[in-house]
Protein backbone atom coordinates (compact mmCIF):
# COMPACT_ATOMS: atom_id res chain seq x y z
CA ILE A 1 0.00 0.00 0.00
CA HIS A 2 2.78 2.42 0.95
CA VAL A 3 4.73 1.66 -2.22
CA ARG A 4 1.71 2.35 -4.44
CA ARG A 5 1.17 5.64 -2.64
CA GLY A 6 4.84 6.57 -2.89
CA ALA A 7 5.09 6.92 0.87
CA TRP A 8 8.71 5.82 0.96
CA ASP A 9 9.32 6.83 4.56
CA LEU A 10 6.49 4.50 5.60
CA VAL A 11 7.89 1.74 3.37
CA VAL A 12 11.22 2.04 5.17
CA GLU A 13 9.54 1.97 8.58
CA ALA A 14 7.52 -1.14 7.62
CA LEU A 15 10.66 -2.91 6.40
CA LEU A 16 12.52 -2.05 9.61
CA ARG A 17 9.66 -3.38 11.73
CA GLN A 18 9.64 -6.60 9.74
CA ALA A 19 13.41 -6.91 10.08
CA ARG A 20 13.19 -6.59 13.86
CA ALA A 21 10.56 -9.34 13.99
CA VAL A 22 12.39 -12.08 12.06
CA ASP A 23 15.57 -14.10 12.55
CA SER A 24 18.91 -12.64 11.51
CA ALA A 25 19.16 -14.33 8.09
CA ASP A 26 15.86 -12.85 6.91
CA ALA A 27 16.51 -9.58 8.74
CA VAL A 28 19.58 -8.80 6.63
CA ALA A 29 17.58 -8.82 3.38
CA LEU A 30 14.91 -6.58 4.91
CA TYR A 31 17.46 -4.16 6.36
CA LEU A 32 19.23 -3.96 3.00
CA LYS A 33 15.97 -3.25 1.20
CA ALA A 34 15.14 -0.55 3.75
CA ALA A 35 18.60 1.01 3.39
CA ARG A 36 18.38 1.03 -0.41
CA THR A 37 14.93 2.60 -0.24
CA ARG A 38 16.12 5.27 2.19
CA ARG A 39 19.18 5.92 -0.01
CA ASP A 40 17.56 5.83 -3.45
CA ALA A 41 13.93 6.87 -3.02
CA LEU A 42 14.36 9.34 -0.15
CA HIS A 43 17.92 10.44 -1.03
CA ASP A 44 18.78 10.22 2.66
CA ARG A 45 22.35 8.95 2.85
CA ARG A 46 22.68 9.62 6.59
CA GLY A 47 19.50 7.61 7.29
CA ALA A 48 20.71 4.84 4.99
CA ALA A 49 24.04 4.77 6.84
CA SER A 50 22.17 4.23 10.09
CA ILE A 51 20.30 1.28 8.59
CA TYR A 52 23.52 -0.15 7.15
CA ASP A 53 24.89 -0.03 10.72
CA GLN A 54 22.03 -2.34 11.69
CA VAL A 55 22.96 -4.66 8.81
CA LEU A 56 26.56 -4.78 10.05
CA ARG A 57 25.40 -5.66 13.58
CA VAL A 58 23.61 -8.71 12.17
CA ALA A 59 26.05 -9.51 9.33
CA PRO A 60 29.47 -7.89 9.97
CA ASN A 61 30.84 -8.97 6.57
CA ASP A 62 28.00 -7.79 4.36
CA VAL A 63 29.72 -6.38 1.27
CA GLU A 64 27.04 -3.84 0.34
CA ALA A 65 26.87 -2.42 3.87
CA LEU A 66 30.66 -2.27 4.24
CA ARG A 67 31.07 -0.54 0.88
CA PHE A 68 28.37 2.04 1.58
CA LYS A 69 29.57 2.74 5.13
CA GLY A 70 33.20 3.01 4.04
CA ASP A 71 32.31 5.49 1.29
CA PHE A 72 29.95 7.40 3.60
CA LEU A 73 32.60 7.72 6.29
CA PHE A 74 35.20 8.71 3.67
CA GLU A 75 32.92 11.47 2.39
CA PHE A 76 32.38 12.80 5.91
CA ASP A 77 36.09 12.64 6.74
CA GLU A 78 35.76 9.98 9.45
CA LEU A 79 38.92 8.36 8.17
CA ASP A 80 39.78 5.94 10.99
CA ARG A 81 36.35 4.34 10.81
CA ALA A 82 36.45 4.32 6.99
CA VAL A 83 39.74 2.41 7.12
CA GLU A 84 38.08 -0.19 9.38
CA MET A 85 35.29 -0.69 6.83
CA TYR A 86 37.66 -0.76 3.86
CA THR A 87 40.05 -3.17 5.59
CA THR A 88 37.22 -5.57 6.38
CA LEU A 89 35.89 -5.27 2.84
CA GLU A 90 39.33 -5.88 1.33
CA GLY A 91 39.70 -9.06 3.40
CA ILE A 92 36.47 -10.58 2.13
CA ASP A 93 36.89 -12.94 -0.78
CA GLN A 94 34.45 -11.57 -3.34
CA GLU A 95 33.68 -13.29 -6.58
CA GLN A 96 33.72 -10.44 -9.07
CA ASP A 97 33.68 -10.42 -12.84
CA LEU A 98 36.73 -8.24 -13.38
CA ASP A 99 36.22 -8.49 -17.15
CA ASP A 100 33.12 -6.32 -16.68
CA PHE A 101 34.06 -2.65 -17.13
CA GLU A 102 31.58 -1.46 -14.49
CA VAL A 103 33.04 -3.85 -11.92
CA GLN A 104 36.56 -2.73 -12.81
CA MET A 105 35.61 0.92 -12.33
CA GLU A 106 33.83 0.25 -9.05
CA THR A 107 36.76 -1.77 -7.71
CA ALA A 108 39.30 0.83 -8.87
CA LEU A 109 37.27 3.51 -7.09
CA PHE A 110 37.27 1.38 -3.94
CA PHE A 111 41.07 1.06 -4.05
CA TYR A 112 41.46 4.77 -4.75
CA ARG A 113 39.25 5.78 -1.80
CA PHE A 114 41.00 3.28 0.46
CA GLY A 115 44.38 4.64 -0.65
CA GLU A 116 43.28 8.23 -0.24
CA THR A 117 42.00 7.51 3.26
CA LEU A 118 45.30 5.90 4.22
CA ARG A 119 47.30 8.76 2.67
CA ARG A 120 45.33 11.33 4.65
CA LEU A 121 46.09 9.36 7.80
CA GLY A 122 49.82 9.49 7.00
CA ARG A 123 50.09 5.82 6.02
CA THR A 124 51.64 6.49 2.62
CA GLU A 125 53.20 3.05 2.07
CA ASP A 126 49.84 1.36 2.61
CA ALA A 127 48.18 4.00 0.42
CA LEU A 128 50.64 3.33 -2.39
CA VAL A 129 49.66 -0.35 -2.43
CA ARG A 130 45.96 0.56 -2.81
CA TYR A 131 46.61 3.17 -5.51
CA LYS A 132 48.60 0.58 -7.45
CA GLY A 133 45.66 -1.81 -7.05
CA ALA A 134 43.37 0.78 -8.64
CA LEU A 135 45.81 1.30 -11.51
CA GLU A 136 46.13 -2.44 -12.13
CA LEU A 137 42.39 -2.48 -12.80
CA ASN A 138 42.26 0.77 -14.74
CA GLN A 139 45.58 2.18 -15.96
CA SER A 140 44.00 5.54 -16.74
CA HIS A 141 42.17 6.06 -13.43
CA LEU A 142 42.92 9.76 -13.18
CA PRO A 143 42.42 10.28 -9.41
CA SER A 144 44.79 7.39 -8.68
CA LEU A 145 47.36 8.66 -11.17
CA GLU A 146 47.22 12.13 -9.62
CA ALA A 147 47.61 10.68 -6.13
CA VAL A 148 50.35 8.15 -6.81
CA GLY A 149 52.70 10.40 -8.83
CA PRO A 150 53.75 12.60 -5.88
CA LEU A 151 54.17 9.51 -3.70
CA PHE A 152 56.59 8.03 -6.23
CA ILE A 153 58.55 11.29 -6.21
CA ALA A 154 58.63 11.36 -2.41
CA ASN A 155 59.96 7.78 -2.42
CA GLU A 156 62.45 8.67 -5.18
CA GLN A 157 60.95 6.08 -7.50
CA TRP A 158 61.83 8.12 -10.55
CA ASP A 159 60.97 5.58 -13.25
CA ASP A 160 57.55 4.91 -11.73
CA ALA A 161 56.95 8.64 -11.33
CA ALA A 162 57.91 9.32 -14.96
CA ARG A 163 55.65 6.52 -16.21
CA THR A 164 52.79 7.82 -14.07
CA PHE A 165 53.09 11.41 -15.24
CA LYS A 166 53.31 10.29 -18.88
CA GLN A 167 50.14 8.28 -18.37
């Protein structure tokens, strides 16, 4: 009824109530649907982040929740917490079709954001590894190229720096 009326806030509330009433396996799917609805239909990223927190309480390794929370925390400059999310996400063995361009771009963006978060925290060696991961997937990923070039210069890796700036 709420969906047909376009009452998305009530749809989210109904999904959350259902999620609280079922066991954890079924709750995850309901929480995820509520978070997506809050994010996409209501354009409420902060509210969606709160629901994704509930997902992570029930399923700490949920890829969608970790990715959203990591990016959300990155955007709001909560870098230590973003690193926690990204580290957990990186450690999960995900079956991805890396031949798919969209998946390559999404994964390259993940590595870039992870690297950028680490760089801002002063962990440049760890950041360099993530930037290189982004560039392995997409050699022309401009944000990664712009970030990694100065790191190569700082580390006196002249050949890598030259190759990066030519790219």
